Amino acid sequence: MPTEAPTPPISGTPTAELPPCGEEGQPDCPLDAWMDENVRPAAEDGDLARLNTLLRQIAQFAPEPSWNEGDDGWAAIANRGAEAAAKGDLRGARASCKSCHQRWRKLYREQHRRRPVPATTGEPVRS
């Protein structure tokens, strides 16, 4: 089955101008929607090539540079998942998703929930 290109990232809208999201009766927040449209199907289908690409994009989504510091930094976790996907290790790629969610989900939702999904540069983030 051919894979579709990821949904283009949202950019250019200040967070203050974005509508509420994520609560009952509201649309998904930008990153949640992007993950549901892109990462979830790739993981469920076992599409490791697409997961590799998506996880490398996600490595660029850290909302603050400090979130990329250390072994449990946003980019480090995403890049480990991408490397696992590149090696054909779906379990390892999914484990990186779980690790990132455990480390960053609560804080992201508290501080950046309405933040648009950033455009990616195509250059990998070094962790």
N, C-alpha and C. Protein backbone atom coordinates (compact mmCIF):
# COMPACT_ATOMS: atom_id res chain seq x y z
N MET A 1 0.84 -1.16 0.00
CA MET A 1 0.00 0.00 0.00
C MET A 1 0.89 1.24 0.00
N PRO A 2 0.70 2.20 -0.92
CA PRO A 2 1.53 3.40 -0.94
C PRO A 2 1.24 4.26 0.28
N THR A 3 2.29 4.91 0.77
CA THR A 3 2.11 5.79 1.92
C THR A 3 1.98 7.22 1.43
N GLU A 4 1.17 7.97 2.14
CA GLU A 4 0.97 9.38 1.81
C GLU A 4 2.01 10.20 2.55
N ALA A 5 2.33 11.35 1.99
CA ALA A 5 3.25 12.26 2.66
C ALA A 5 2.60 12.77 3.94
N PRO A 6 3.40 13.08 4.97
CA PRO A 6 2.82 13.61 6.20
C PRO A 6 2.08 14.91 5.94
N THR A 7 1.09 15.17 6.76
CA THR A 7 0.35 16.42 6.69
C THR A 7 1.33 17.57 6.88
N PRO A 8 1.25 18.61 6.05
CA PRO A 8 2.17 19.74 6.22
C PRO A 8 2.02 20.37 7.60
N PRO A 9 3.13 20.76 8.20
CA PRO A 9 3.05 21.40 9.52
C PRO A 9 2.31 22.73 9.46
N ILE A 10 1.72 23.09 10.57
CA ILE A 10 1.05 24.37 10.74
C ILE A 10 2.10 25.36 11.24
N SER A 11 2.11 26.55 10.72
CA SER A 11 3.06 27.54 11.23
C SER A 11 2.51 28.93 11.01
N GLY A 12 3.11 29.90 11.70
CA GLY A 12 2.81 31.29 11.47
C GLY A 12 1.68 31.91 12.26
N THR A 13 0.95 31.14 13.06
CA THR A 13 -0.14 31.70 13.84
C THR A 13 0.28 31.82 15.29
N PRO A 14 0.26 33.02 15.86
CA PRO A 14 0.60 33.16 17.27
C PRO A 14 -0.37 32.35 18.14
N THR A 15 0.15 31.72 19.18
CA THR A 15 -0.66 30.88 20.05
C THR A 15 -1.87 31.63 20.60
N ALA A 16 -1.70 32.90 20.95
CA ALA A 16 -2.80 33.68 21.53
C ALA A 16 -3.98 33.79 20.57
N GLU A 17 -3.75 33.67 19.27
CA GLU A 17 -4.82 33.80 18.29
C GLU A 17 -5.47 32.46 17.95
N LEU A 18 -4.99 31.38 18.51
CA LEU A 18 -5.52 30.06 18.20
C LEU A 18 -6.73 29.76 19.08
N PRO A 19 -7.68 29.02 18.53
CA PRO A 19 -8.87 28.67 19.32
C PRO A 19 -8.51 27.65 20.41
N PRO A 20 -9.36 27.54 21.42
CA PRO A 20 -9.15 26.53 22.45
C PRO A 20 -9.16 25.14 21.82
N CYS A 21 -8.52 24.20 22.49
CA CYS A 21 -8.46 22.85 21.96
C CYS A 21 -8.25 21.85 23.09
N GLY A 22 -8.54 20.60 22.76
CA GLY A 22 -8.20 19.50 23.65
C GLY A 22 -9.19 19.16 24.74
N GLU A 23 -10.17 19.98 24.96
CA GLU A 23 -11.18 19.69 25.98
C GLU A 23 -12.42 19.14 25.30
N GLU A 24 -13.34 18.60 26.08
CA GLU A 24 -14.56 18.03 25.53
C GLU A 24 -15.29 19.06 24.67
N GLY A 25 -15.66 18.63 23.47
CA GLY A 25 -16.37 19.51 22.55
C GLY A 25 -15.47 20.42 21.73
N GLN A 26 -14.16 20.35 21.95
CA GLN A 26 -13.21 21.17 21.21
C GLN A 26 -12.41 20.28 20.26
N PRO A 27 -11.84 20.87 19.24
CA PRO A 27 -10.99 20.08 18.35
C PRO A 27 -9.71 19.64 19.06
N ASP A 28 -9.06 18.65 18.49
CA ASP A 28 -7.76 18.24 19.02
C ASP A 28 -6.79 19.42 18.94
N CYS A 29 -5.83 19.44 19.83
CA CYS A 29 -4.77 20.44 19.77
C CYS A 29 -3.85 20.10 18.60
N PRO A 30 -3.10 21.07 18.10
CA PRO A 30 -2.33 20.85 16.87
C PRO A 30 -1.41 19.63 16.89
N LEU A 31 -0.60 19.46 17.93
CA LEU A 31 0.32 18.33 17.92
C LEU A 31 -0.43 17.01 18.06
N ASP A 32 -1.47 16.98 18.89
CA ASP A 32 -2.29 15.76 19.01
C ASP A 32 -2.88 15.39 17.66
N ALA A 33 -3.43 16.35 16.95
CA ALA A 33 -4.03 16.09 15.64
C ALA A 33 -2.98 15.59 14.65
N TRP A 34 -1.82 16.24 14.65
CA TRP A 34 -0.73 15.83 13.74
C TRP A 34 -0.29 14.40 14.04
N MET A 35 -0.14 14.09 15.32
CA MET A 35 0.25 12.72 15.70
C MET A 35 -0.81 11.72 15.27
N ASP A 36 -2.07 12.04 15.51
CA ASP A 36 -3.16 11.12 15.13
C ASP A 36 -3.24 10.91 13.62
N GLU A 37 -2.97 11.96 12.85
CA GLU A 37 -3.05 11.86 11.39
C GLU A 37 -1.83 11.19 10.78
N ASN A 38 -0.70 11.26 11.44
CA ASN A 38 0.55 10.80 10.85
C ASN A 38 1.20 9.64 11.58
N VAL A 39 1.51 9.82 12.84
CA VAL A 39 2.29 8.82 13.57
C VAL A 39 1.45 7.59 13.91
N ARG A 40 0.26 7.81 14.41
CA ARG A 40 -0.58 6.67 14.80
C ARG A 40 -0.79 5.69 13.64
N PRO A 41 -1.19 6.16 12.44
CA PRO A 41 -1.37 5.20 11.34
C PRO A 41 -0.07 4.49 10.95
N ALA A 42 1.03 5.21 10.95
CA ALA A 42 2.31 4.58 10.59
C ALA A 42 2.68 3.50 11.59
N ALA A 43 2.47 3.77 12.88
CA ALA A 43 2.78 2.78 13.91
C ALA A 43 1.83 1.59 13.81
N GLU A 44 0.54 1.86 13.63
CA GLU A 44 -0.43 0.78 13.54
C GLU A 44 -0.20 -0.09 12.31
N ASP A 45 0.24 0.51 11.20
CA ASP A 45 0.50 -0.23 9.98
C ASP A 45 1.89 -0.87 9.96
N GLY A 46 2.72 -0.54 10.96
CA GLY A 46 4.09 -1.05 10.97
C GLY A 46 4.93 -0.47 9.84
N ASP A 47 4.62 0.74 9.41
CA ASP A 47 5.33 1.41 8.32
C ASP A 47 6.59 2.05 8.88
N LEU A 48 7.65 1.26 8.93
CA LEU A 48 8.88 1.70 9.59
C LEU A 48 9.58 2.83 8.83
N ALA A 49 9.51 2.83 7.52
CA ALA A 49 10.14 3.92 6.76
C ALA A 49 9.45 5.24 7.08
N ARG A 50 8.13 5.21 7.14
CA ARG A 50 7.39 6.44 7.45
C ARG A 50 7.64 6.86 8.91
N LEU A 51 7.66 5.88 9.82
CA LEU A 51 7.95 6.20 11.23
C LEU A 51 9.32 6.85 11.36
N ASN A 52 10.30 6.34 10.65
CA ASN A 52 11.64 6.92 10.69
C ASN A 52 11.57 8.39 10.29
N THR A 53 10.90 8.68 9.18
CA THR A 53 10.77 10.06 8.70
C THR A 53 10.03 10.93 9.72
N LEU A 54 8.92 10.42 10.21
CA LEU A 54 8.11 11.20 11.15
C LEU A 54 8.85 11.46 12.46
N LEU A 55 9.53 10.46 12.98
CA LEU A 55 10.27 10.65 14.24
C LEU A 55 11.41 11.64 14.06
N ARG A 56 12.03 11.67 12.89
CA ARG A 56 13.07 12.68 12.64
C ARG A 56 12.45 14.08 12.58
N GLN A 57 11.22 14.18 12.07
CA GLN A 57 10.53 15.47 12.11
C GLN A 57 10.21 15.85 13.55
N ILE A 58 9.70 14.90 14.31
CA ILE A 58 9.32 15.16 15.69
C ILE A 58 10.52 15.65 16.50
N ALA A 59 11.70 15.17 16.17
CA ALA A 59 12.90 15.63 16.87
C ALA A 59 13.06 17.14 16.76
N GLN A 60 12.46 17.74 15.74
CA GLN A 60 12.56 19.19 15.53
C GLN A 60 11.43 19.97 16.19
N PHE A 61 10.50 19.27 16.84
CA PHE A 61 9.31 19.92 17.40
C PHE A 61 9.46 20.39 18.85
N ALA A 62 10.60 20.19 19.47
CA ALA A 62 10.74 20.63 20.87
C ALA A 62 10.42 22.11 20.96
N PRO A 63 9.54 22.49 21.88
CA PRO A 63 9.10 23.89 21.94
C PRO A 63 10.14 24.83 22.52
N GLU A 64 11.12 24.29 23.20
CA GLU A 64 12.17 25.12 23.80
C GLU A 64 13.50 24.39 23.67
N PRO A 65 14.60 25.10 23.40
CA PRO A 65 15.90 24.44 23.25
C PRO A 65 16.28 23.60 24.47
N SER A 66 15.91 24.04 25.66
CA SER A 66 16.28 23.29 26.86
C SER A 66 15.65 21.90 26.89
N TRP A 67 14.58 21.69 26.15
CA TRP A 67 13.92 20.38 26.12
C TRP A 67 14.74 19.35 25.36
N ASN A 68 15.79 19.78 24.67
CA ASN A 68 16.66 18.86 23.93
C ASN A 68 17.90 18.48 24.71
N GLU A 69 18.01 18.90 25.95
CA GLU A 69 19.20 18.60 26.73
C GLU A 69 19.14 17.20 27.34
N GLY A 70 20.26 16.51 27.30
CA GLY A 70 20.39 15.23 27.99
C GLY A 70 19.85 14.03 27.21
N ASP A 71 20.04 12.87 27.82
CA ASP A 71 19.62 11.61 27.19
C ASP A 71 18.11 11.47 27.10
N ASP A 72 17.38 12.17 27.96
CA ASP A 72 15.92 12.10 27.88
C ASP A 72 15.35 13.36 27.25
N GLY A 73 16.19 14.08 26.50
CA GLY A 73 15.73 15.24 25.76
C GLY A 73 14.81 14.83 24.63
N TRP A 74 13.96 15.74 24.25
CA TRP A 74 12.96 15.50 23.21
C TRP A 74 13.61 14.92 21.94
N ALA A 75 14.62 15.60 21.41
CA ALA A 75 15.26 15.15 20.17
C ALA A 75 15.95 13.81 20.35
N ALA A 76 16.60 13.60 21.49
CA ALA A 76 17.29 12.33 21.73
C ALA A 76 16.31 11.17 21.71
N ILE A 77 15.18 11.34 22.34
CA ILE A 77 14.18 10.28 22.38
C ILE A 77 13.64 10.02 20.97
N ALA A 78 13.27 11.07 20.26
CA ALA A 78 12.72 10.91 18.90
C ALA A 78 13.76 10.29 17.97
N ASN A 79 15.01 10.72 18.07
CA ASN A 79 16.05 10.17 17.21
C ASN A 79 16.32 8.69 17.52
N ARG A 80 16.23 8.29 18.79
CA ARG A 80 16.37 6.87 19.12
C ARG A 80 15.26 6.06 18.46
N GLY A 81 14.05 6.60 18.49
CA GLY A 81 12.94 5.93 17.83
C GLY A 81 13.14 5.83 16.33
N ALA A 82 13.63 6.91 15.72
CA ALA A 82 13.89 6.90 14.28
C ALA A 82 14.96 5.86 13.94
N GLU A 83 16.00 5.79 14.75
CA GLU A 83 17.06 4.80 14.52
C GLU A 83 16.51 3.38 14.64
N ALA A 84 15.64 3.17 15.62
CA ALA A 84 15.02 1.85 15.78
C ALA A 84 14.19 1.53 14.54
N ALA A 85 13.40 2.48 14.07
CA ALA A 85 12.59 2.26 12.88
C ALA A 85 13.46 1.96 11.66
N ALA A 86 14.56 2.68 11.53
CA ALA A 86 15.47 2.47 10.40
C ALA A 86 16.07 1.06 10.43
N LYS A 87 16.19 0.48 11.61
CA LYS A 87 16.74 -0.88 11.77
C LYS A 87 15.66 -1.95 11.70
N GLY A 88 14.41 -1.54 11.48
CA GLY A 88 13.32 -2.50 11.39
C GLY A 88 12.74 -2.90 12.74
N ASP A 89 13.00 -2.11 13.78
CA ASP A 89 12.59 -2.44 15.14
C ASP A 89 11.35 -1.62 15.52
N LEU A 90 10.16 -2.14 15.20
CA LEU A 90 8.92 -1.44 15.51
C LEU A 90 8.73 -1.30 17.01
N ARG A 91 9.05 -2.33 17.77
CA ARG A 91 8.92 -2.27 19.22
C ARG A 91 9.79 -1.14 19.79
N GLY A 92 11.01 -1.00 19.31
CA GLY A 92 11.90 0.07 19.77
C GLY A 92 11.39 1.44 19.39
N ALA A 93 10.83 1.56 18.18
CA ALA A 93 10.28 2.85 17.76
C ALA A 93 9.10 3.23 18.64
N ARG A 94 8.22 2.26 18.90
CA ARG A 94 7.07 2.53 19.76
C ARG A 94 7.51 2.84 21.19
N ALA A 95 8.56 2.19 21.64
CA ALA A 95 9.07 2.45 23.00
C ALA A 95 9.55 3.89 23.12
N SER A 96 10.11 4.44 22.05
CA SER A 96 10.55 5.84 22.11
C SER A 96 9.35 6.76 22.21
N CYS A 97 8.25 6.41 21.53
CA CYS A 97 7.03 7.22 21.64
C CYS A 97 6.54 7.21 23.09
N LYS A 98 6.49 6.04 23.68
CA LYS A 98 6.04 5.92 25.07
C LYS A 98 6.96 6.70 26.00
N SER A 99 8.26 6.59 25.78
CA SER A 99 9.23 7.30 26.61
C SER A 99 9.05 8.82 26.51
N CYS A 100 8.83 9.30 25.30
CA CYS A 100 8.63 10.74 25.11
C CYS A 100 7.34 11.20 25.79
N HIS A 101 6.29 10.41 25.62
CA HIS A 101 5.02 10.77 26.26
C HIS A 101 5.17 10.80 27.78
N GLN A 102 5.87 9.82 28.33
CA GLN A 102 6.06 9.81 29.79
C GLN A 102 6.88 11.01 30.26
N ARG A 103 7.88 11.38 29.49
CA ARG A 103 8.77 12.48 29.89
C ARG A 103 8.17 13.86 29.61
N TRP A 104 7.50 14.04 28.47
CA TRP A 104 7.17 15.38 28.02
C TRP A 104 5.70 15.70 27.88
N ARG A 105 4.81 14.73 27.80
CA ARG A 105 3.40 15.02 27.48
C ARG A 105 2.75 15.98 28.47
N LYS A 106 2.85 15.72 29.74
CA LYS A 106 2.19 16.57 30.74
C LYS A 106 2.70 18.01 30.65
N LEU A 107 4.01 18.17 30.62
CA LEU A 107 4.59 19.51 30.56
C LEU A 107 4.21 20.22 29.25
N TYR A 108 4.23 19.49 28.14
CA TYR A 108 3.85 20.08 26.86
C TYR A 108 2.41 20.57 26.92
N ARG A 109 1.53 19.74 27.44
CA ARG A 109 0.12 20.14 27.51
C ARG A 109 -0.08 21.33 28.44
N GLU A 110 0.67 21.39 29.51
CA GLU A 110 0.55 22.52 30.44
C GLU A 110 1.05 23.82 29.84
N GLN A 111 2.13 23.75 29.05
CA GLN A 111 2.79 24.97 28.59
C GLN A 111 2.61 25.30 27.11
N HIS A 112 2.35 24.29 26.28
CA HIS A 112 2.39 24.53 24.83
C HIS A 112 1.25 23.88 24.07
N ARG A 113 0.21 23.52 24.74
CA ARG A 113 -0.89 22.75 24.16
C ARG A 113 -1.42 23.32 22.84
N ARG A 114 -1.58 24.61 22.76
CA ARG A 114 -2.17 25.24 21.57
C ARG A 114 -1.12 25.63 20.53
N ARG A 115 0.12 25.36 20.80
CA ARG A 115 1.21 25.73 19.90
C ARG A 115 1.06 25.03 18.55
N PRO A 116 1.18 25.77 17.45
CA PRO A 116 1.14 25.13 16.13
C PRO A 116 2.29 24.14 15.96
N VAL A 117 2.06 23.15 15.14
CA VAL A 117 3.14 22.20 14.81
C VAL A 117 4.15 22.98 13.99
N PRO A 118 5.41 22.98 14.41
CA PRO A 118 6.40 23.79 13.69
C PRO A 118 6.75 23.21 12.33
N ALA A 119 7.12 24.08 11.43
CA ALA A 119 7.67 23.63 10.14
C ALA A 119 9.04 23.03 10.44
N THR A 120 9.41 22.02 9.72
CA THR A 120 10.71 21.40 9.94
C THR A 120 11.70 21.88 8.89
N THR A 121 12.96 21.85 9.25
CA THR A 121 14.00 22.33 8.35
C THR A 121 14.51 21.25 7.42
N GLY A 122 14.25 20.00 7.75
CA GLY A 122 14.82 18.90 6.99
C GLY A 122 16.18 18.52 7.50
N GLU A 123 16.79 19.35 8.32
CA GLU A 123 18.07 19.05 8.93
C GLU A 123 17.84 18.33 10.25
N PRO A 124 18.52 17.24 10.51
CA PRO A 124 18.30 16.53 11.78
C PRO A 124 18.77 17.36 12.97
N VAL A 125 18.06 17.19 14.07
CA VAL A 125 18.47 17.81 15.32
C VAL A 125 19.43 16.85 15.99
N ARG A 126 20.58 17.30 16.31
CA ARG A 126 21.57 16.46 16.96
C ARG A 126 21.27 16.40 18.45
N SER A 127 21.26 15.21 18.97
CA SER A 127 20.98 15.05 20.40
C SER A 127 22.24 14.63 21.12
